[in-house]
Structure formats: structure tokens, C-alpha cells
Amino acid sequence: MTRADASGRASDDASDGFDVIIHAPKRLMICALLDAVAEAEFAVVQERVAVSASVLSKHVAVLMEAGYVAQRKTVRDTRPRVQLRLTSDGRRAYRAHVAALRAIVDAAPDD
């Protein structure tokens, strides 16, 4: 049985690197998108993840609290913009989580 510690990381070897913070589907999508780029504008992430601004804000807040995502405020065309990026800890955690998911899938018995 997999148990998460206070950081959200699983405690057994079969899912080493599994992170319940990242595992939520929308947060996983956010991390996947941000892993592919240096940074992305909030509105672009919102469109790609297909959520409202308030839902994205809540997921980003969880990822920021964990130290996985950082934001940078800019102004473009006289309008404020928010740029999101994975931190180095966030990138490591995301990639470890993906590896853990692959290990879980690869370890599944063949029927």
C-alpha cells in the first residue's frame, strides 16, 4: 500500500517519486505544459488546461506552495500578465512523478 508523507511523496519503493500534489489531473497537465517550455503566460496555460482563471489560480497556488511553480508579473501592451514556470524543484518532482507512473504501469501484471 502506498502512503504519502507530509510532502506528498509516496513512501514505498514501487512508486518512488510519486507525488500526490502533482498527481491531480489538472496539476499534472500544468506541470507537463510547463516542463516543455521555459515559461508560459497564465492565459495560455488556462486555455490549454481548459479551466477557468479561478480554478487555474487555485492549482497554481498549490504548486507554488509546494515550491514547484513560480510566477513573474509583467506588463505587455499596457496589460498586466503573469508568466508561470516550473522551478528546478518542480521540474525534478514532475519528472520523478512521471517516472514513478511509468514504473507503476510497467510493473502491472500481464493478463
Protein backbone atom coordinates (compact mmCIF):
# COMPACT_ATOMS: atom_id res chain seq x y z
CA MET A 1 0.00 0.00 0.00
CA THR A 2 1.28 3.46 -0.87
CA ARG A 3 1.27 6.10 1.84
CA ALA A 4 2.22 9.72 1.23
CA ASP A 5 4.39 11.62 3.66
CA ALA A 6 3.77 15.28 4.56
CA SER A 7 5.42 16.46 1.33
CA GLY A 8 3.02 14.39 -0.78
CA ARG A 9 5.69 11.93 -1.87
CA ALA A 10 4.91 8.24 -1.68
CA SER A 11 6.80 6.17 0.84
CA ASP A 12 7.12 2.78 -0.81
CA ASP A 13 9.68 1.65 -3.40
CA ALA A 14 7.14 0.63 -6.06
CA SER A 15 6.15 4.26 -6.56
CA ASP A 16 9.30 6.09 -5.53
CA GLY A 17 8.91 9.64 -6.80
CA PHE A 18 5.10 9.54 -6.82
CA ASP A 19 3.83 12.97 -5.78
CA VAL A 20 0.18 13.45 -4.80
CA ILE A 21 0.49 17.21 -5.23
CA ILE A 22 1.41 16.83 -8.90
CA HIS A 23 -0.83 13.80 -9.48
CA ALA A 24 -4.13 15.73 -9.53
CA PRO A 25 -5.08 15.69 -13.23
CA LYS A 26 -5.14 19.45 -13.82
CA ARG A 27 -1.90 19.99 -11.87
CA LEU A 28 -0.29 17.17 -13.84
CA MET A 29 -1.38 18.91 -17.05
CA ILE A 30 0.02 22.24 -15.81
CA CYS A 31 3.36 20.65 -14.95
CA ALA A 32 3.51 18.80 -18.29
CA LEU A 33 2.90 22.03 -20.16
CA LEU A 34 5.46 23.98 -18.12
CA ASP A 35 8.06 21.21 -18.39
CA ALA A 36 8.10 21.72 -22.16
CA VAL A 37 8.84 25.48 -22.01
CA ALA A 38 10.94 27.97 -20.09
CA GLU A 39 7.76 29.79 -19.03
CA ALA A 40 4.21 30.28 -20.23
CA GLU A 41 1.67 33.05 -19.87
CA PHE A 42 -1.14 32.34 -17.41
CA ALA A 43 -3.79 32.80 -20.15
CA VAL A 44 -2.06 30.26 -22.40
CA VAL A 45 -1.89 27.70 -19.58
CA GLN A 46 -5.54 28.40 -18.79
CA GLU A 47 -6.56 27.78 -22.40
CA ARG A 48 -4.51 24.60 -22.77
CA VAL A 49 -5.64 23.11 -19.46
CA ALA A 50 -9.24 24.19 -20.21
CA VAL A 51 -10.14 25.63 -16.82
CA SER A 52 -11.40 28.96 -15.55
CA ALA A 53 -8.93 31.55 -14.28
CA SER A 54 -10.04 30.92 -10.70
CA VAL A 55 -9.54 27.15 -10.97
CA LEU A 56 -6.10 27.63 -12.53
CA SER A 57 -5.20 30.13 -9.80
CA LYS A 58 -6.09 27.58 -7.11
CA HIS A 59 -3.99 24.84 -8.74
CA VAL A 60 -1.07 27.23 -9.29
CA ALA A 61 -1.29 28.30 -5.63
CA VAL A 62 -0.95 24.66 -4.52
CA LEU A 63 2.03 24.16 -6.85
CA MET A 64 3.63 27.41 -5.66
CA GLU A 65 3.15 26.47 -2.00
CA ALA A 66 4.98 23.21 -2.73
CA GLY A 67 7.78 25.19 -4.37
CA TYR A 68 7.11 23.65 -7.79
CA VAL A 69 5.91 26.69 -9.73
CA ALA A 70 6.98 30.33 -9.70
CA GLN A 71 5.26 33.29 -11.26
CA ARG A 72 6.57 36.53 -12.70
CA LYS A 73 4.35 39.55 -13.31
CA THR A 74 4.95 41.61 -16.45
CA VAL A 75 3.19 44.27 -18.49
CA ARG A 76 2.61 43.76 -22.20
CA ASP A 77 0.51 46.04 -24.37
CA THR A 78 -0.28 48.05 -21.22
CA ARG A 79 -1.93 44.97 -19.70
CA PRO A 80 -0.59 43.06 -16.72
CA ARG A 81 0.45 39.49 -17.50
CA VAL A 82 1.52 36.61 -15.31
CA GLN A 83 4.22 34.25 -16.53
CA LEU A 84 4.41 30.77 -14.96
CA ARG A 85 7.41 28.46 -14.84
CA LEU A 86 8.44 25.24 -13.15
CA THR A 87 11.12 25.75 -10.56
CA SER A 88 14.09 23.39 -10.62
CA ASP A 89 12.48 21.52 -7.69
CA GLY A 90 9.21 21.42 -9.62
CA ARG A 91 10.90 20.09 -12.74
CA ARG A 92 12.66 17.36 -10.72
CA ALA A 93 9.45 16.44 -8.89
CA TYR A 94 7.41 16.36 -12.11
CA ARG A 95 9.93 14.15 -13.91
CA ALA A 96 10.22 11.84 -10.89
CA HIS A 97 6.43 11.59 -10.77
CA VAL A 98 6.24 10.70 -14.47
CA ALA A 99 8.96 8.07 -13.95
CA ALA A 100 7.00 6.67 -10.98
CA LEU A 101 3.85 6.44 -13.08
CA ARG A 102 5.77 4.64 -15.83
CA ALA A 103 7.21 2.22 -13.25
CA ILE A 104 3.74 1.51 -11.89
CA VAL A 105 2.37 0.86 -15.39
CA ASP A 106 5.39 -1.26 -16.39
CA ALA A 107 5.08 -3.34 -13.20
CA ALA A 108 1.44 -4.19 -13.88
CA PRO A 109 0.99 -7.93 -14.46
CA ASP A 110 0.20 -9.05 -17.99
CA ASP A 111 -3.10 -10.86 -18.32
